[in-house]
């Protein structure tokens, strides 16, 4: 008997807030009002919550797509601290609308839809990276920037100790189920384009669509030196 198809990632979070406790609402509102990413120390001081309680709220907010999380810039030895920001859902909806239109068009008109999707995604990723570089001083880490972009567009990436990132949400899930060869090629091209523009080698970056019952798997090496 053949194995039923895996479910893969969930849809990207929408703009509607799920029911939340007053404490969790306070954390989210604080992040929404902040012009800068906040770390655990700032959030603990501002909310008065115990660190373990606060960490639980933040994990839940990240899981539901309402908060983005990324590592701070490394300084010295040790793993950098987490920084938190309220998710900008306008990026998710804009990306979904553009990419869905592109994928549907390529699926019906391109001689090789997957190759065309990969090229389009790569060009998109390069442009996003150039915009990011123009606002920052000095070189940026290719892998960290790719993960940040995936967070921004609603993929809710979950990094693992090995060179795998689990994409637990998909902003184009319905279109991906209809045209996986195009949509997944666009997504992989997006990551490769960003890595390449930031000076990394994207050749080892691959994507396993619907790899598990709750994610797609992006193989993103921790060393992306050209």
N, C-alpha and C. Protein backbone atom coordinates (compact mmCIF):
# COMPACT_ATOMS: atom_id res chain seq x y z
N UNK A 1 0.85 -1.19 0.00
CA UNK A 1 0.00 0.00 0.00
C UNK A 1 0.89 1.24 0.00
N UNK A 2 0.60 2.19 -0.88
CA UNK A 2 1.42 3.39 -0.96
C UNK A 2 1.13 4.32 0.21
N UNK A 3 2.15 5.05 0.60
CA UNK A 3 2.02 5.99 1.71
C UNK A 3 1.24 7.21 1.25
N UNK A 4 0.26 7.69 2.04
CA UNK A 4 -0.47 8.89 1.65
C UNK A 4 0.46 10.08 1.58
N UNK A 5 0.17 11.05 0.70
CA UNK A 5 1.05 12.22 0.57
C UNK A 5 1.15 12.99 1.87
N UNK A 6 2.33 13.51 2.14
CA UNK A 6 2.53 14.29 3.35
C UNK A 6 1.83 15.63 3.23
N UNK A 7 1.39 16.14 4.36
CA UNK A 7 0.62 17.39 4.35
C UNK A 7 1.49 18.59 4.07
N UNK A 8 2.74 18.56 4.57
CA UNK A 8 3.62 19.70 4.35
C UNK A 8 3.29 20.87 5.26
N UNK A 9 3.76 22.06 4.90
CA UNK A 9 3.59 23.24 5.77
C UNK A 9 2.14 23.71 5.84
N UNK A 10 1.87 24.53 6.84
CA UNK A 10 0.56 25.17 6.97
C UNK A 10 0.54 26.46 6.16
N UNK A 11 -0.64 27.02 5.93
CA UNK A 11 -0.68 28.33 5.26
C UNK A 11 0.03 29.38 6.10
N UNK A 12 0.52 30.42 5.46
CA UNK A 12 1.12 31.54 6.19
C UNK A 12 0.08 32.20 7.05
N UNK A 13 0.52 32.76 8.17
CA UNK A 13 -0.40 33.39 9.11
C UNK A 13 -1.09 34.59 8.47
N UNK A 14 -2.34 34.75 8.75
CA UNK A 14 -3.08 35.90 8.24
C UNK A 14 -2.99 37.08 9.19
N UNK A 15 -3.74 38.11 8.91
CA UNK A 15 -3.66 39.32 9.72
C UNK A 15 -4.57 39.26 10.93
N UNK A 16 -5.37 38.23 11.01
CA UNK A 16 -6.31 38.14 12.12
C UNK A 16 -5.63 37.51 13.33
N UNK A 17 -5.71 38.18 14.47
CA UNK A 17 -5.08 37.66 15.67
C UNK A 17 -5.91 36.54 16.29
N UNK A 18 -5.26 35.46 16.72
CA UNK A 18 -5.98 34.44 17.47
C UNK A 18 -6.26 34.94 18.89
N UNK A 19 -7.17 34.31 19.62
CA UNK A 19 -7.40 34.70 21.01
C UNK A 19 -6.12 34.59 21.82
N UNK A 20 -5.83 35.61 22.63
CA UNK A 20 -4.60 35.63 23.42
C UNK A 20 -4.87 36.16 24.81
N UNK A 21 -4.02 35.74 25.74
CA UNK A 21 -4.10 36.24 27.11
C UNK A 21 -3.66 37.69 27.14
N UNK A 22 -4.03 38.44 28.19
CA UNK A 22 -3.57 39.83 28.31
C UNK A 22 -2.05 39.97 28.29
N UNK A 23 -1.35 39.03 28.90
CA UNK A 23 0.11 39.11 28.93
C UNK A 23 0.70 38.94 27.53
N UNK A 24 0.18 37.96 26.80
CA UNK A 24 0.69 37.73 25.44
C UNK A 24 0.36 38.91 24.53
N UNK A 25 -0.84 39.46 24.70
CA UNK A 25 -1.23 40.64 23.92
C UNK A 25 -0.29 41.80 24.22
N UNK A 26 0.09 41.96 25.49
CA UNK A 26 0.99 43.05 25.88
C UNK A 26 2.36 42.88 25.22
N UNK A 27 2.85 41.66 25.16
CA UNK A 27 4.14 41.40 24.52
C UNK A 27 4.07 41.76 23.04
N UNK A 28 3.01 41.32 22.37
CA UNK A 28 2.89 41.59 20.94
C UNK A 28 2.73 43.09 20.67
N UNK A 29 1.93 43.76 21.49
CA UNK A 29 1.75 45.20 21.31
C UNK A 29 3.06 45.96 21.53
N UNK A 30 3.84 45.51 22.49
CA UNK A 30 5.14 46.15 22.74
C UNK A 30 6.05 46.02 21.53
N UNK A 31 6.09 44.83 20.93
CA UNK A 31 6.91 44.62 19.75
C UNK A 31 6.38 45.41 18.55
N UNK A 32 5.08 45.52 18.45
CA UNK A 32 4.49 46.27 17.34
C UNK A 32 4.84 47.75 17.42
N UNK A 33 4.90 48.30 18.63
CA UNK A 33 5.20 49.72 18.80
C UNK A 33 6.69 50.03 18.69
N UNK A 34 7.54 49.01 18.89
CA UNK A 34 8.98 49.25 18.91
C UNK A 34 9.52 49.45 17.50
N UNK A 35 10.35 50.47 17.33
CA UNK A 35 10.98 50.72 16.02
C UNK A 35 12.18 49.82 15.79
N UNK A 36 12.68 49.16 16.83
CA UNK A 36 13.85 48.30 16.73
C UNK A 36 13.53 46.91 17.26
N UNK A 37 14.24 45.89 16.79
CA UNK A 37 14.09 44.55 17.37
C UNK A 37 14.45 44.57 18.86
N UNK A 38 13.77 43.75 19.63
CA UNK A 38 14.00 43.70 21.07
C UNK A 38 14.47 42.31 21.47
N UNK A 39 15.38 42.29 22.45
CA UNK A 39 15.87 41.04 22.99
C UNK A 39 15.16 40.67 24.28
N UNK A 40 15.53 39.54 24.85
CA UNK A 40 14.88 39.07 26.07
C UNK A 40 15.05 40.05 27.22
N UNK A 41 16.23 40.65 27.35
CA UNK A 41 16.47 41.57 28.46
C UNK A 41 15.53 42.77 28.39
N UNK A 42 15.40 43.36 27.20
CA UNK A 42 14.51 44.53 27.06
C UNK A 42 13.05 44.15 27.29
N UNK A 43 12.66 42.99 26.77
CA UNK A 43 11.27 42.57 26.92
C UNK A 43 10.94 42.21 28.37
N UNK A 44 11.88 41.58 29.05
CA UNK A 44 11.66 41.24 30.46
C UNK A 44 11.49 42.51 31.29
N UNK A 45 12.35 43.50 31.04
CA UNK A 45 12.27 44.76 31.79
C UNK A 45 10.97 45.51 31.49
N UNK A 46 10.55 45.50 30.22
CA UNK A 46 9.37 46.26 29.82
C UNK A 46 8.06 45.63 30.27
N UNK A 47 8.02 44.28 30.32
CA UNK A 47 6.76 43.60 30.65
C UNK A 47 6.67 43.18 32.11
N UNK A 48 7.82 43.03 32.78
CA UNK A 48 7.81 42.56 34.15
C UNK A 48 7.54 41.07 34.27
N UNK A 49 7.53 40.35 33.15
CA UNK A 49 7.27 38.92 33.17
C UNK A 49 8.55 38.14 33.48
N UNK A 50 8.39 36.98 34.11
CA UNK A 50 9.53 36.10 34.34
C UNK A 50 10.06 35.64 32.99
N UNK A 51 11.37 35.44 32.91
CA UNK A 51 11.99 35.09 31.63
C UNK A 51 11.39 33.82 31.03
N UNK A 52 11.13 32.81 31.85
CA UNK A 52 10.56 31.57 31.32
C UNK A 52 9.15 31.78 30.79
N UNK A 53 8.36 32.59 31.50
CA UNK A 53 7.00 32.90 31.04
C UNK A 53 7.05 33.68 29.74
N UNK A 54 7.92 34.68 29.70
CA UNK A 54 8.07 35.49 28.49
C UNK A 54 8.52 34.64 27.32
N UNK A 55 9.45 33.74 27.55
CA UNK A 55 9.95 32.88 26.48
C UNK A 55 8.81 32.02 25.91
N UNK A 56 7.93 31.54 26.78
CA UNK A 56 6.78 30.76 26.31
C UNK A 56 5.86 31.59 25.42
N UNK A 57 5.60 32.84 25.82
CA UNK A 57 4.76 33.71 25.00
C UNK A 57 5.40 33.98 23.64
N UNK A 58 6.70 34.24 23.65
CA UNK A 58 7.40 34.54 22.40
C UNK A 58 7.39 33.33 21.47
N UNK A 59 7.62 32.14 22.02
CA UNK A 59 7.59 30.93 21.19
C UNK A 59 6.22 30.76 20.53
N UNK A 60 5.16 31.02 21.29
CA UNK A 60 3.81 30.89 20.74
C UNK A 60 3.55 31.93 19.67
N UNK A 61 4.02 33.14 19.87
CA UNK A 61 3.82 34.21 18.88
C UNK A 61 4.61 33.95 17.60
N UNK A 62 5.80 33.39 17.74
CA UNK A 62 6.58 33.02 16.56
C UNK A 62 5.87 31.88 15.82
N UNK A 63 5.38 30.91 16.55
CA UNK A 63 4.71 29.76 15.94
C UNK A 63 3.48 30.17 15.14
N UNK A 64 2.75 31.17 15.62
CA UNK A 64 1.54 31.61 14.92
C UNK A 64 1.84 32.64 13.83
N UNK A 65 3.10 33.01 13.66
CA UNK A 65 3.47 33.92 12.59
C UNK A 65 3.29 35.38 12.91
N UNK A 66 2.96 35.71 14.17
CA UNK A 66 2.74 37.11 14.54
C UNK A 66 4.04 37.83 14.91
N UNK A 67 5.06 37.06 15.23
CA UNK A 67 6.35 37.64 15.61
C UNK A 67 7.46 36.94 14.83
N UNK A 68 8.42 37.72 14.37
CA UNK A 68 9.60 37.19 13.69
C UNK A 68 10.76 37.14 14.67
N UNK A 69 11.63 36.15 14.51
CA UNK A 69 12.77 35.96 15.39
C UNK A 69 14.02 35.74 14.55
N UNK A 70 15.11 36.41 14.93
CA UNK A 70 16.37 36.21 14.24
C UNK A 70 17.52 36.41 15.21
N UNK A 71 18.69 35.89 14.85
CA UNK A 71 19.85 36.02 15.72
C UNK A 71 20.45 37.41 15.58
N UNK A 72 20.94 37.93 16.71
CA UNK A 72 21.67 39.19 16.69
C UNK A 72 23.02 38.99 16.00
N UNK A 73 23.66 40.07 15.63
CA UNK A 73 24.99 40.00 15.02
C UNK A 73 25.97 39.38 16.00
N UNK A 74 26.71 38.34 15.58
CA UNK A 74 27.65 37.69 16.51
C UNK A 74 28.72 38.66 17.02
N UNK A 75 28.96 38.61 18.32
CA UNK A 75 30.03 39.40 18.94
C UNK A 75 30.80 38.47 19.88
N UNK A 76 32.03 38.17 19.51
CA UNK A 76 32.84 37.27 20.34
C UNK A 76 32.35 35.84 20.25
N UNK A 77 32.65 35.07 21.27
CA UNK A 77 32.30 33.65 21.29
C UNK A 77 30.87 33.47 21.79
N UNK A 78 30.36 32.29 21.55
CA UNK A 78 29.01 31.98 22.02
C UNK A 78 27.95 32.28 20.97
N UNK A 79 26.80 31.67 21.14
CA UNK A 79 25.70 31.86 20.20
C UNK A 79 25.05 33.21 20.43
N UNK A 80 24.80 33.98 19.37
CA UNK A 80 24.17 35.30 19.53
C UNK A 80 22.76 35.18 20.11
N UNK A 81 22.32 36.23 20.78
CA UNK A 81 20.99 36.24 21.38
C UNK A 81 19.92 36.36 20.30
N UNK A 82 18.69 35.96 20.65
CA UNK A 82 17.56 36.14 19.75
C UNK A 82 17.06 37.58 19.82
N UNK A 83 16.63 38.10 18.69
CA UNK A 83 15.95 39.39 18.62
C UNK A 83 14.56 39.17 18.04
N UNK A 84 13.58 39.93 18.54
CA UNK A 84 12.18 39.73 18.16
C UNK A 84 11.59 41.00 17.58
N UNK A 85 10.79 40.84 16.54
CA UNK A 85 10.04 41.95 15.94
C UNK A 85 8.64 41.48 15.62
N UNK A 86 7.69 42.39 15.62
CA UNK A 86 6.34 42.07 15.17
C UNK A 86 6.39 41.80 13.66
N UNK A 87 5.72 40.74 13.22
CA UNK A 87 5.75 40.39 11.80
C UNK A 87 5.06 41.46 10.97
N UNK A 88 5.67 41.79 9.84
CA UNK A 88 5.08 42.72 8.89
C UNK A 88 4.32 41.91 7.86
N UNK A 89 3.03 41.73 8.08
CA UNK A 89 2.24 40.84 7.24
C UNK A 89 1.96 41.41 5.87
N UNK A 90 2.21 42.71 5.66
CA UNK A 90 2.03 43.27 4.32
C UNK A 90 3.01 42.65 3.34
N UNK A 91 4.23 42.30 3.83
CA UNK A 91 5.21 41.65 2.96
C UNK A 91 4.71 40.28 2.53
N UNK A 92 4.10 39.55 3.46
CA UNK A 92 3.61 38.22 3.14
C UNK A 92 2.54 38.29 2.07
N UNK A 93 1.55 39.16 2.23
CA UNK A 93 0.46 39.24 1.28
C UNK A 93 0.94 39.74 -0.08
N UNK A 94 1.88 40.69 -0.08
CA UNK A 94 2.41 41.20 -1.35
C UNK A 94 3.18 40.10 -2.07
N UNK A 95 4.03 39.40 -1.35
CA UNK A 95 4.79 38.32 -1.97
C UNK A 95 3.85 37.25 -2.51
N UNK A 96 2.84 36.87 -1.72
CA UNK A 96 1.92 35.82 -2.13
C UNK A 96 1.19 36.19 -3.41
N UNK A 97 0.72 37.43 -3.50
CA UNK A 97 -0.02 37.85 -4.68
C UNK A 97 0.86 37.83 -5.92
N UNK A 98 2.08 38.37 -5.81
CA UNK A 98 2.97 38.43 -6.96
C UNK A 98 3.43 37.03 -7.38
N UNK A 99 3.87 36.24 -6.42
CA UNK A 99 4.40 34.92 -6.75
C UNK A 99 3.31 33.99 -7.26
N UNK A 100 2.11 34.10 -6.74
CA UNK A 100 1.02 33.25 -7.20
C UNK A 100 0.67 33.55 -8.65
N UNK A 101 0.61 34.84 -8.98
CA UNK A 101 0.33 35.23 -10.37
C UNK A 101 1.43 34.74 -11.30
N UNK A 102 2.68 34.92 -10.87
CA UNK A 102 3.82 34.47 -11.67
C UNK A 102 3.77 32.97 -11.89
N UNK A 103 3.57 32.20 -10.82
CA UNK A 103 3.58 30.74 -10.93
C UNK A 103 2.47 30.24 -11.83
N UNK A 104 1.28 30.79 -11.69
CA UNK A 104 0.16 30.35 -12.53
C UNK A 104 0.42 30.64 -13.99
N UNK A 105 1.00 31.81 -14.26
CA UNK A 105 1.31 32.16 -15.64
C UNK A 105 2.36 31.26 -16.24
N UNK A 106 3.44 31.00 -15.50
CA UNK A 106 4.51 30.15 -16.00
C UNK A 106 4.04 28.72 -16.23
N UNK A 107 3.16 28.23 -15.35
CA UNK A 107 2.69 26.86 -15.46
C UNK A 107 1.95 26.60 -16.76
N UNK A 108 1.33 27.62 -17.31
CA UNK A 108 0.53 27.44 -18.52
C UNK A 108 1.21 27.95 -19.79
N UNK A 109 2.28 28.76 -19.64
CA UNK A 109 2.86 29.38 -20.84
C UNK A 109 4.33 29.06 -21.09
N UNK A 110 5.09 28.74 -20.06
CA UNK A 110 6.54 28.55 -20.25
C UNK A 110 6.83 27.15 -20.78
N UNK A 111 7.78 27.01 -21.72
CA UNK A 111 8.17 25.67 -22.20
C UNK A 111 8.70 24.78 -21.08
N UNK A 112 9.45 25.37 -20.17
CA UNK A 112 9.98 24.65 -19.01
C UNK A 112 9.60 25.45 -17.77
N UNK A 113 8.40 25.23 -17.22
CA UNK A 113 7.92 26.06 -16.10
C UNK A 113 8.84 26.06 -14.90
N UNK A 114 9.42 24.91 -14.54
CA UNK A 114 10.28 24.85 -13.36
C UNK A 114 11.54 25.70 -13.55
N UNK A 115 12.17 25.60 -14.72
CA UNK A 115 13.38 26.38 -14.98
C UNK A 115 13.06 27.86 -15.01
N UNK A 116 11.92 28.22 -15.61
CA UNK A 116 11.53 29.63 -15.66
C UNK A 116 11.23 30.15 -14.26
N UNK A 117 10.59 29.33 -13.42
CA UNK A 117 10.32 29.73 -12.05
C UNK A 117 11.59 29.93 -11.25
N UNK A 118 12.57 29.03 -11.44
CA UNK A 118 13.84 29.16 -10.74
C UNK A 118 14.55 30.44 -11.14
N UNK A 119 14.54 30.76 -12.43
CA UNK A 119 15.20 31.99 -12.89
C UNK A 119 14.51 33.22 -12.33
N UNK A 120 13.18 33.21 -12.35
CA UNK A 120 12.44 34.35 -11.82
C UNK A 120 12.70 34.53 -10.33
N UNK A 121 12.69 33.43 -9.58
CA UNK A 121 12.95 33.51 -8.15
C UNK A 121 14.34 33.99 -7.84
N UNK A 122 15.31 33.54 -8.63
CA UNK A 122 16.70 33.97 -8.39
C UNK A 122 16.86 35.47 -8.63
N UNK A 123 16.26 35.96 -9.73
CA UNK A 123 16.33 37.39 -9.98
C UNK A 123 15.67 38.19 -8.89
N UNK A 124 14.58 37.69 -8.39
CA UNK A 124 13.87 38.33 -7.29
C UNK A 124 14.75 38.38 -6.05
N UNK A 125 15.37 37.23 -5.73
CA UNK A 125 16.22 37.17 -4.55
C UNK A 125 17.41 38.10 -4.64
N UNK A 126 18.01 38.20 -5.82
CA UNK A 126 19.13 39.12 -6.00
C UNK A 126 18.71 40.57 -5.78
N UNK A 127 17.54 40.94 -6.29
CA UNK A 127 17.07 42.30 -6.12
C UNK A 127 16.79 42.61 -4.65
N UNK A 128 16.18 41.67 -3.94
CA UNK A 128 15.93 41.87 -2.51
C UNK A 128 17.25 42.04 -1.75
N UNK A 129 18.24 41.24 -2.09
CA UNK A 129 19.54 41.34 -1.42
C UNK A 129 20.20 42.68 -1.70
N UNK A 130 20.10 43.15 -2.94
CA UNK A 130 20.70 44.45 -3.27
C UNK A 130 20.04 45.57 -2.48
N UNK A 131 18.72 45.49 -2.32
CA UNK A 131 18.01 46.50 -1.53
C UNK A 131 18.49 46.48 -0.08
N UNK A 132 18.67 45.27 0.44
CA UNK A 132 19.13 45.13 1.83
C UNK A 132 20.56 45.67 1.99
N UNK A 133 21.42 45.33 1.05
CA UNK A 133 22.82 45.76 1.13
C UNK A 133 22.94 47.28 1.03
N UNK A 134 22.05 47.91 0.27
CA UNK A 134 22.12 49.36 0.12
C UNK A 134 21.78 50.10 1.40
N UNK A 135 21.10 49.41 2.33
CA UNK A 135 20.71 50.05 3.59
C UNK A 135 21.66 49.72 4.74
N UNK A 136 22.61 48.83 4.50
CA UNK A 136 23.48 48.37 5.58
C UNK A 136 24.93 48.73 5.28
N UNK A 137 25.73 48.76 6.33
CA UNK A 137 27.16 49.02 6.18
C UNK A 137 27.92 47.71 6.29
N UNK A 138 28.72 47.40 5.28
CA UNK A 138 29.53 46.20 5.33
C UNK A 138 28.79 44.97 4.84
N UNK A 139 29.50 43.85 4.68
CA UNK A 139 28.92 42.61 4.18
C UNK A 139 27.98 41.99 5.21
N UNK A 140 27.01 41.22 4.72
CA UNK A 140 26.05 40.53 5.57
C UNK A 140 26.21 39.03 5.39
N UNK A 141 25.86 38.26 6.40
CA UNK A 141 25.98 36.81 6.35
C UNK A 141 24.92 36.24 5.42
N UNK A 142 25.32 35.51 4.35
CA UNK A 142 24.34 35.02 3.38
C UNK A 142 23.25 34.16 3.98
N UNK A 143 23.61 33.24 4.88
CA UNK A 143 22.62 32.33 5.44
C UNK A 143 21.63 33.08 6.34
N UNK A 144 22.15 33.96 7.19
CA UNK A 144 21.28 34.72 8.09
C UNK A 144 20.31 35.59 7.31
N UNK A 145 20.80 36.19 6.22
CA UNK A 145 19.93 37.05 5.43
C UNK A 145 18.86 36.25 4.71
N UNK A 146 19.20 35.07 4.24
CA UNK A 146 18.20 34.22 3.61
C UNK A 146 17.12 33.81 4.61
N UNK A 147 17.53 33.46 5.82
CA UNK A 147 16.56 33.09 6.86
C UNK A 147 15.67 34.28 7.22
N UNK A 148 16.27 35.47 7.30
CA UNK A 148 15.49 36.67 7.63
C UNK A 148 14.44 36.94 6.55
N UNK A 149 14.81 36.76 5.28
CA UNK A 149 13.86 36.97 4.18
C UNK A 149 12.73 35.96 4.24
N UNK A 150 13.05 34.71 4.56
CA UNK A 150 12.01 33.69 4.67
C UNK A 150 11.05 34.00 5.81
N UNK A 151 11.56 34.50 6.92
CA UNK A 151 10.70 34.95 8.02
C UNK A 151 9.78 36.07 7.54
N UNK A 152 10.37 37.04 6.84
CA UNK A 152 9.64 38.22 6.42
C UNK A 152 8.50 37.87 5.48
N UNK A 153 8.70 36.87 4.64
CA UNK A 153 7.68 36.51 3.66
C UNK A 153 6.71 35.45 4.16
N UNK A 154 6.83 35.05 5.42
CA UNK A 154 5.80 34.20 6.01
C UNK A 154 6.07 32.72 6.00
N UNK A 155 7.32 32.28 5.76
CA UNK A 155 7.61 30.85 5.73
C UNK A 155 7.82 30.25 7.11
N UNK A 156 7.95 31.08 8.14
CA UNK A 156 8.18 30.62 9.52
C UNK A 156 9.26 29.54 9.55
N UNK A 157 10.49 29.87 9.10
CA UNK A 157 11.55 28.85 9.06
C UNK A 157 11.97 28.40 10.45
N UNK A 158 12.21 27.11 10.57
CA UNK A 158 12.66 26.53 11.84
C UNK A 158 14.03 25.91 11.59
N UNK A 159 15.08 26.57 12.08
CA UNK A 159 16.44 26.09 11.86
C UNK A 159 16.69 24.85 12.70
N UNK A 160 17.61 24.01 12.26
CA UNK A 160 17.95 22.78 12.97
C UNK A 160 19.46 22.72 13.16
N UNK A 161 19.95 21.86 14.05
CA UNK A 161 21.40 21.77 14.27
C UNK A 161 22.17 21.34 13.03
N UNK A 162 21.51 20.63 12.11
CA UNK A 162 22.17 20.26 10.86
C UNK A 162 21.84 21.31 9.81
N UNK A 163 22.34 21.12 8.59
CA UNK A 163 22.17 22.14 7.55
C UNK A 163 20.80 22.08 6.91
N UNK A 164 19.76 22.05 7.72
CA UNK A 164 18.39 21.95 7.23
C UNK A 164 17.54 23.01 7.92
N UNK A 165 16.72 23.69 7.13
CA UNK A 165 15.74 24.64 7.65
C UNK A 165 14.36 24.11 7.29
N UNK A 166 13.53 23.91 8.29
CA UNK A 166 12.17 23.42 8.05
C UNK A 166 11.25 24.62 7.82
N UNK A 167 10.65 24.70 6.65
CA UNK A 167 9.71 25.78 6.31
C UNK A 167 8.32 25.32 6.73
N UNK A 168 7.86 25.84 7.86
CA UNK A 168 6.64 25.32 8.48
C UNK A 168 5.37 26.00 7.99
N UNK A 169 5.51 27.08 7.23
CA UNK A 169 4.36 27.75 6.62
C UNK A 169 4.69 28.08 5.17
N UNK A 170 3.64 28.24 4.37
CA UNK A 170 3.84 28.59 2.96
C UNK A 170 2.83 29.66 2.56
N UNK A 171 3.30 30.82 2.12
CA UNK A 171 2.38 31.89 1.72
C UNK A 171 1.65 31.59 0.41
N UNK A 172 2.07 30.54 -0.32
CA UNK A 172 1.43 30.17 -1.58
C UNK A 172 0.95 28.72 -1.54
N UNK A 173 0.44 28.27 -0.42
CA UNK A 173 0.18 26.85 -0.25
C UNK A 173 -0.81 26.31 -1.28
N UNK A 174 -1.90 27.01 -1.52
CA UNK A 174 -2.89 26.52 -2.49
C UNK A 174 -2.28 26.41 -3.89
N UNK A 175 -1.55 27.46 -4.29
CA UNK A 175 -0.90 27.44 -5.61
C UNK A 175 0.20 26.39 -5.67
N UNK A 176 0.90 26.19 -4.56
CA UNK A 176 1.97 25.19 -4.52
C UNK A 176 1.41 23.79 -4.70
N UNK A 177 0.23 23.53 -4.19
CA UNK A 177 -0.37 22.20 -4.37
C UNK A 177 -0.82 22.00 -5.82
N UNK A 178 -1.20 23.08 -6.49
CA UNK A 178 -1.62 22.98 -7.89
C UNK A 178 -0.42 22.91 -8.83
N UNK A 179 0.60 23.72 -8.56
CA UNK A 179 1.77 23.81 -9.44
C UNK A 179 3.06 23.71 -8.63
N UNK A 180 3.31 22.58 -7.96
CA UNK A 180 4.49 22.49 -7.09
C UNK A 180 5.80 22.66 -7.84
N UNK A 181 5.85 22.19 -9.09
CA UNK A 181 7.10 22.28 -9.84
C UNK A 181 7.51 23.73 -10.10
N UNK A 182 6.52 24.64 -10.16
CA UNK A 182 6.82 26.05 -10.41
C UNK A 182 7.02 26.80 -9.10
N UNK A 183 6.07 26.68 -8.19
CA UNK A 183 6.12 27.44 -6.94
C UNK A 183 7.37 27.09 -6.14
N UNK A 184 7.66 25.82 -6.01
CA UNK A 184 8.83 25.41 -5.22
C UNK A 184 10.12 25.85 -5.90
N UNK A 185 10.12 25.88 -7.25
CA UNK A 185 11.30 26.38 -7.97
C UNK A 185 11.50 27.87 -7.73
N UNK A 186 10.40 28.63 -7.67
CA UNK A 186 10.49 30.06 -7.36
C UNK A 186 11.08 30.26 -5.97
N UNK A 187 10.60 29.48 -5.00
CA UNK A 187 11.07 29.62 -3.63
C UNK A 187 12.56 29.28 -3.52
N UNK A 188 12.97 28.19 -4.17
CA UNK A 188 14.38 27.82 -4.12
C UNK A 188 15.23 28.88 -4.83
N UNK A 189 14.75 29.38 -5.97
CA UNK A 189 15.48 30.43 -6.67
C UNK A 189 15.62 31.69 -5.83
N UNK A 190 14.58 32.02 -5.09
CA UNK A 190 14.62 33.19 -4.21
C UNK A 190 15.77 33.09 -3.22
N UNK A 191 15.89 31.93 -2.57
CA UNK A 191 16.96 31.72 -1.59
C UNK A 191 18.33 31.74 -2.26
N UNK A 192 18.44 31.04 -3.37
CA UNK A 192 19.74 30.99 -4.06
C UNK A 192 20.17 32.38 -4.55
N UNK A 193 19.21 33.16 -5.03
CA UNK A 193 19.55 34.50 -5.48
C UNK A 193 20.06 35.37 -4.35
N UNK A 194 19.41 35.28 -3.19
CA UNK A 194 19.87 36.07 -2.04
C UNK A 194 21.25 35.63 -1.58
N UNK A 195 21.44 34.31 -1.48
CA UNK A 195 22.75 33.79 -1.05
C UNK A 195 23.84 34.26 -1.99
N UNK A 196 23.59 34.16 -3.29
CA UNK A 196 24.58 34.54 -4.29
C UNK A 196 24.91 36.02 -4.23
N UNK A 197 23.88 36.86 -4.12
CA UNK A 197 24.10 38.31 -4.09
C UNK A 197 24.85 38.74 -2.85
N UNK A 198 24.70 37.99 -1.76
CA UNK A 198 25.42 38.30 -0.53
C UNK A 198 26.81 37.66 -0.50
N UNK A 199 27.25 37.11 -1.63
CA UNK A 199 28.60 36.59 -1.73
C UNK A 199 28.77 35.13 -1.37
N UNK A 200 27.66 34.39 -1.22
CA UNK A 200 27.74 32.98 -0.89
C UNK A 200 27.64 32.10 -2.11
N UNK A 201 27.90 30.82 -1.92
CA UNK A 201 27.80 29.82 -2.99
C UNK A 201 26.49 29.07 -2.82
N UNK A 202 25.52 29.25 -3.73
CA UNK A 202 24.21 28.63 -3.55
C UNK A 202 24.11 27.20 -4.06
N UNK A 203 25.21 26.62 -4.56
CA UNK A 203 25.13 25.33 -5.24
C UNK A 203 24.65 24.20 -4.33
N UNK A 204 24.93 24.28 -3.03
CA UNK A 204 24.49 23.22 -2.12
C UNK A 204 23.11 23.43 -1.54
N UNK A 205 22.42 24.47 -1.98
CA UNK A 205 21.08 24.80 -1.47
C UNK A 205 20.03 24.07 -2.29
N UNK A 206 19.25 23.22 -1.64
CA UNK A 206 18.20 22.46 -2.32
C UNK A 206 16.92 22.51 -1.48
N UNK A 207 15.82 22.12 -2.10
CA UNK A 207 14.52 22.18 -1.42
C UNK A 207 13.78 20.87 -1.63
N UNK A 208 13.25 20.30 -0.53
CA UNK A 208 12.40 19.11 -0.58
C UNK A 208 10.97 19.54 -0.28
N UNK A 209 10.13 19.71 -1.30
CA UNK A 209 8.75 20.14 -1.06
C UNK A 209 7.96 19.09 -0.28
N UNK A 210 7.13 19.53 0.66
CA UNK A 210 6.24 18.66 1.41
C UNK A 210 6.99 17.45 1.96
N UNK A 211 8.16 17.72 2.55
CA UNK A 211 9.03 16.64 3.01
C UNK A 211 8.50 15.94 4.25
N UNK A 212 7.76 16.65 5.10
CA UNK A 212 7.22 16.07 6.32
C UNK A 212 5.74 16.44 6.43
N UNK A 213 5.14 16.00 7.50
CA UNK A 213 3.73 16.31 7.70
C UNK A 213 3.50 17.75 8.15
N UNK A 214 4.57 18.50 8.42
CA UNK A 214 4.36 19.90 8.82
C UNK A 214 5.36 20.86 8.20
N UNK A 215 6.11 20.42 7.18
CA UNK A 215 7.11 21.34 6.62
C UNK A 215 7.63 20.88 5.27
N UNK A 216 8.22 21.83 4.56
CA UNK A 216 9.15 21.55 3.47
C UNK A 216 10.55 21.68 4.05
N UNK A 217 11.52 21.02 3.45
CA UNK A 217 12.89 21.05 3.98
C UNK A 217 13.81 21.77 3.01
N UNK A 218 14.41 22.84 3.51
CA UNK A 218 15.39 23.59 2.75
C UNK A 218 16.78 23.22 3.25
N UNK A 219 17.61 22.66 2.37
CA UNK A 219 18.99 22.34 2.72
C UNK A 219 19.82 23.59 2.46
N UNK A 220 20.22 24.24 3.55
CA UNK A 220 20.92 25.52 3.49
C UNK A 220 22.21 25.40 4.28
N UNK A 221 23.34 25.08 3.63
CA UNK A 221 24.59 24.87 4.36
C UNK A 221 24.96 26.04 5.26
N UNK A 222 25.52 25.73 6.41
CA UNK A 222 25.95 26.80 7.33
C UNK A 222 27.19 27.51 6.82
N UNK A 223 27.95 26.85 5.97
CA UNK A 223 29.09 27.48 5.33
C UNK A 223 28.75 27.67 3.86
N UNK A 224 28.63 28.94 3.46
CA UNK A 224 28.20 29.27 2.09
C UNK A 224 29.29 30.08 1.38
N UNK A 225 30.54 29.80 1.69
CA UNK A 225 31.63 30.55 1.08
C UNK A 225 31.69 30.27 -0.42
N UNK A 226 31.96 31.33 -1.17
CA UNK A 226 32.10 31.18 -2.62
C UNK A 226 33.43 30.52 -2.95
